[in-house]
């Protein structure tokens, strides 16, 4: 198996925008919300690239084709993996695992104490993936309420956490 994890370079821009679009499409599907990410979601990668810097983005090549992307946001002795995307047709080949393991090693080099990931609540595949790779601690929980009229049918019911029930 030929998986190469390497740092991002500007010639990867189009592939990374496509990967970001795929991530957005996945979120649109699991939330049944076509407006997520706007009209051109791939360009959100550019904003992320500016936020984290080119030295904190890595790509996965599989037999020479860019098929995955990840990033590492580092701040105050902590780091977050964001994003982690592998093209759907290449999942299950160890590419996501290779990307995450690379970020774990990078975080260790940076002497980071805590490494986190923040999959969206409905991305049960991602939650299982991260749990299986060793992310077992829960550091914080983000709660929110919708302030506009909402179609209650779009919410899934329910998750229990500490004897409280939540929609997601």
Protein backbone atom coordinates (compact mmCIF):
# COMPACT_ATOMS: atom_id res chain seq x y z
CA UNK A 1 0.00 0.00 0.00
CA UNK A 2 1.46 3.33 -1.06
CA UNK A 3 0.28 6.02 1.38
CA UNK A 4 2.45 9.11 1.69
CA UNK A 5 1.68 11.83 4.22
CA UNK A 6 3.37 15.09 3.35
CA UNK A 7 3.04 18.79 4.01
CA UNK A 8 0.67 20.80 1.88
CA UNK A 9 2.08 22.80 -0.99
CA UNK A 10 0.29 25.41 -3.13
CA UNK A 11 -0.09 22.99 -6.06
CA UNK A 12 -2.50 20.98 -3.82
CA UNK A 13 -5.02 23.83 -3.60
CA UNK A 14 -7.63 22.47 -6.04
CA UNK A 15 -7.53 18.96 -4.55
CA UNK A 16 -7.85 20.36 -1.03
CA UNK A 17 -10.79 22.53 -2.02
CA UNK A 18 -12.45 19.41 -3.46
CA UNK A 19 -11.79 17.50 -0.24
CA UNK A 20 -13.30 20.36 1.78
CA UNK A 21 -16.33 20.29 -0.52
CA UNK A 22 -16.69 16.55 0.10
CA UNK A 23 -16.60 17.13 3.86
CA UNK A 24 -19.25 19.83 3.50
CA UNK A 25 -21.44 17.54 1.37
CA UNK A 26 -21.18 14.86 4.05
CA UNK A 27 -22.33 17.35 6.69
CA UNK A 28 -25.17 18.48 4.42
CA UNK A 29 -26.28 14.87 4.08
CA UNK A 30 -26.12 13.89 7.74
CA UNK A 31 -27.94 17.05 8.78
CA UNK A 32 -30.27 17.12 5.76
CA UNK A 33 -29.39 20.79 5.37
CA UNK A 34 -28.28 21.86 1.87
CA UNK A 35 -27.29 25.37 2.98
CA UNK A 36 -24.31 24.22 5.09
CA UNK A 37 -21.13 25.70 3.67
CA UNK A 38 -22.82 28.09 1.26
CA UNK A 39 -22.71 28.02 -2.53
CA UNK A 40 -19.00 27.34 -2.92
CA UNK A 41 -17.92 25.35 0.13
CA UNK A 42 -14.48 24.50 -1.24
CA UNK A 43 -13.36 28.08 -0.77
CA UNK A 44 -13.75 27.65 2.99
CA UNK A 45 -10.52 25.68 2.76
CA UNK A 46 -8.76 28.93 1.82
CA UNK A 47 -10.01 30.55 5.03
CA UNK A 48 -8.86 27.54 7.05
CA UNK A 49 -5.47 27.64 5.33
CA UNK A 50 -5.09 31.29 6.32
CA UNK A 51 -6.15 30.49 9.89
CA UNK A 52 -3.75 27.60 10.52
CA UNK A 53 -0.99 28.36 8.02
CA UNK A 54 0.52 26.23 5.27
CA UNK A 55 2.94 24.62 7.72
CA UNK A 56 0.04 23.06 9.65
CA UNK A 57 -1.74 21.34 6.74
CA UNK A 58 -0.86 17.86 5.45
CA UNK A 59 -2.14 15.79 2.56
CA UNK A 60 -2.31 12.07 1.97
CA UNK A 61 -1.24 10.71 -1.38
CA UNK A 62 -2.37 7.26 -2.39
CA UNK A 63 -0.37 5.97 -5.34
CA UNK A 64 0.42 9.58 -6.27
CA UNK A 65 -3.11 10.99 -6.00
CA UNK A 66 -4.07 13.46 -3.25
CA UNK A 67 -6.95 11.68 -1.50
CA UNK A 68 -6.91 13.11 2.03
CA UNK A 69 -6.18 16.19 4.05
CA UNK A 70 -5.69 17.10 7.68
CA UNK A 71 -4.61 20.08 9.71
CA UNK A 72 -3.31 20.85 13.16
CA UNK A 73 -4.45 23.95 15.05
CA UNK A 74 -1.95 24.62 17.83
CA UNK A 75 -2.55 27.01 20.71
CA UNK A 76 -1.38 27.26 24.32
CA UNK A 77 0.06 23.76 24.65
CA UNK A 78 -2.96 22.12 23.05
CA UNK A 79 -3.71 21.06 19.50
CA UNK A 80 -6.80 20.14 17.51
CA UNK A 81 -6.95 18.00 14.40
CA UNK A 82 -9.06 19.90 11.87
CA UNK A 83 -10.07 18.90 9.29
CA UNK A 84 -9.72 15.21 8.57
CA UNK A 85 -11.09 14.28 5.18
CA UNK A 86 -10.51 11.25 2.97
CA UNK A 87 -12.26 10.90 -0.38
CA UNK A 88 -15.15 8.46 0.07
CA UNK A 89 -13.88 5.95 -2.48
CA UNK A 90 -10.54 5.70 -0.63
CA UNK A 91 -11.89 5.17 2.89
CA UNK A 92 -11.12 1.90 4.61
CA UNK A 93 -7.58 1.76 3.22
CA UNK A 94 -5.82 3.13 6.29
CA UNK A 95 -5.44 6.67 4.92
CA UNK A 96 -7.39 8.41 7.70
CA UNK A 97 -5.48 6.42 10.30
CA UNK A 98 -2.17 7.39 8.70
CA UNK A 99 -3.19 11.06 8.71
CA UNK A 100 -4.23 10.98 12.38
CA UNK A 101 -1.10 9.09 13.44
CA UNK A 102 0.97 11.73 11.65
CA UNK A 103 -0.83 14.45 13.61
CA UNK A 104 -0.28 12.59 16.88
CA UNK A 105 3.44 12.44 16.13
CA UNK A 106 3.51 16.10 15.09
CA UNK A 107 1.74 17.12 18.32
CA UNK A 108 4.27 15.11 20.33
CA UNK A 109 7.13 16.92 18.56
CA UNK A 110 5.51 20.21 19.53
CA UNK A 111 5.28 19.03 23.15
CA UNK A 112 1.51 19.37 23.15
CA UNK A 113 -0.21 18.06 26.26
CA UNK A 114 -3.70 17.56 24.82
CA UNK A 115 -4.73 16.65 21.30
CA UNK A 116 -8.41 16.99 20.45
CA UNK A 117 -10.85 16.36 17.64
CA UNK A 118 -14.34 17.82 17.28
CA UNK A 119 -16.51 15.68 15.02
CA UNK A 120 -20.06 16.93 14.60
CA UNK A 121 -22.60 15.12 16.77
CA UNK A 122 -24.26 13.22 13.92
CA UNK A 123 -21.01 12.00 12.40
CA UNK A 124 -21.16 8.66 14.19
CA UNK A 125 -18.65 7.11 11.78
CA UNK A 126 -16.08 9.76 12.71
CA UNK A 127 -16.82 9.39 16.41
CA UNK A 128 -16.29 5.62 16.18
CA UNK A 129 -13.13 6.11 14.10
CA UNK A 130 -11.59 8.51 16.62
CA UNK A 131 -12.60 6.33 19.57
CA UNK A 132 -11.00 3.29 17.95
CA UNK A 133 -7.76 5.18 17.31
CA UNK A 134 -7.50 6.20 20.97
CA UNK A 135 -9.49 9.39 21.55
CA UNK A 136 -11.35 8.34 24.70
CA UNK A 137 -11.53 11.51 26.79
CA UNK A 138 -14.24 14.14 26.57
CA UNK A 139 -12.79 17.54 27.35
CA UNK A 140 -15.73 19.80 26.68
CA UNK A 141 -19.25 19.63 25.36
CA UNK A 142 -20.80 22.30 23.20
CA UNK A 143 -24.49 22.92 23.84
CA UNK A 144 -26.62 25.26 21.78
CA UNK A 145 -30.18 26.32 21.22
CA UNK A 146 -31.82 27.39 18.01
CA UNK A 147 -33.32 30.88 18.26
CA UNK A 148 -35.30 30.91 15.03
CA UNK A 149 -38.39 28.90 14.23
CA UNK A 150 -37.26 25.44 13.36
CA UNK A 151 -38.58 22.32 11.74
CA UNK A 152 -38.47 19.93 14.70
CA UNK A 153 -38.36 16.99 12.30
CA UNK A 154 -34.79 17.86 11.30
CA UNK A 155 -33.53 16.99 14.78
CA UNK A 156 -32.74 13.45 15.84
CA UNK A 157 -33.96 12.36 19.25
CA UNK A 158 -32.15 11.77 21.52
CA UNK A 159 -28.77 11.46 23.17
CA UNK A 160 -28.55 10.94 26.90
CA UNK A 161 -25.65 12.54 28.68
CA UNK A 162 -25.38 12.63 32.46
CA UNK A 163 -29.09 11.77 32.79
CA UNK A 164 -30.15 14.59 30.46
CA UNK A 165 -31.61 14.15 27.00
CA UNK A 166 -30.58 16.22 24.00
CA UNK A 167 -31.50 16.44 20.33
CA UNK A 168 -28.76 16.36 17.75
